[in-house]
Amino acid sequence: MAGFIAVAEELHFGRAAERLNMTQPPLSRQIQKLEKTVGAELLERDNRKVNLTAAGQAFLEEARRLMALADRAPLTARRIASGRSGLLRIGFTATSAFSVLGTLLEQAEALIPDVDIDLQELVTGEQIKGLQTGELDLGLARPPFDTDTYDSRLLYRESMMLAVPRGHRLTLLGRDIGDADLKDEPLIMHSPTRARYFYDLVIRMLPVQHGNVVHTVSQVLTMVSLVAAKRGVAFVPHSAVKLGIAGVQFLPLASGGEPVELHAIWNRRVTNPSLARLLRHLDFDMT
C-alpha cells in the first residue's frame, strides 16, 4: 500500500523507490502484485512517465484513508485501554435526571473528555438487568441490589415530601403533615412492582389507606403531573420540586422516615477502562 502511494504521488518509480529506501525492481513487483489482487490496472507506464488510471485515482484516495486509519489505530487502542477514549453507557432513573445526573456528566466531561456517553432512562430493575448483561456500564439507581455482584457508592440522600395541588386545604395548616391529615385524601401511589423502592419506603413511613389510592404509577413526573391536575396527593422525593410543574405545592412530612437514596452502581467485574478511570476520580458526594 505504501509503495503504491509513493509511486502515485511521485509518478516515477525511481523517485518512489528512493523515497522508500529500496531498489526499483522489488517496488515494481509490489505494484504488479497489488494490481493482480485488486483486479484492475492502477498505473499506466511507459519508458518516460507513469500516470494513474481512473481506477488508480480512486484506489489512491482509499489507500490514503486506510493508511491514516492504520497510523491512528495503535494510538486509539492505547487510549481505549487507558480509559481516555471509548464509550460509556449510563442508565438513570427519571428522578436522578433532576438531582445528580447533570453533576455526574459535568465530572465525566472533565475526567474522560474524549469518551462518548450513551444515556438510557430506565427504572432500577431494568438497570440491574443491563448491568448484568453488559448492556450498561454504570447505573444511577435505588437500593437494594446484590452487593456480591454489584459495587456501589451513595450519590444523593433526600427527604420525602407530600405533593398537593396549589391552594389545597393541607397548605393552610402551617405545619408538617401527619398521618391523621391524610385520612380522607385521594392518594396517587407508587407501583409496588415498577417503583418498588418508593412503594416500600412510603409503606414503612406511613399507614397508607389503600382504599384511598386512586392512581398507581411508576414515574415521579407522572405523579406530580396528576397532582397538578387535582387527581390527588402524592409522596415524592424532595428533588421533585425542581420539576417546576405549575399548580403544585410541596409540604414536609411529620413522620420523617427513611431518606431517599440514590446510588451509583456497577458490576464488580468492570471491563470498561473508561468506567474504571471515571470511578477512580469521581467525587461521589453530589448532595
Foldseek 3Di string as FASTA:
>chain_A
DQLLLLCAVVQDQCVSCVVVVHHRVVSVVVQVVVCVVVVHDQWDDDPPTIHGDPVVVVVNVVVVVVVVCVVCVVVVVVCQLQLLEEEAEEEEEPLCVLAPPVVLVVLLCVQRVHYHYHYDHAAQVVVVVCQVVVVHFKYWYFDDDDCVFKDKDWQDWFFKWKKAFPPDPVVPPPDADEQVNCPQWQEEEEDCPRQVVRRVQVVVQYVDDVVSHDHYYHHPVVQNVCRQVVVTMYIDTPSVVVVVDPRMDIGHHPSGGGITIIMMMHTPPRDRSSVVSCVVDPDRHRD
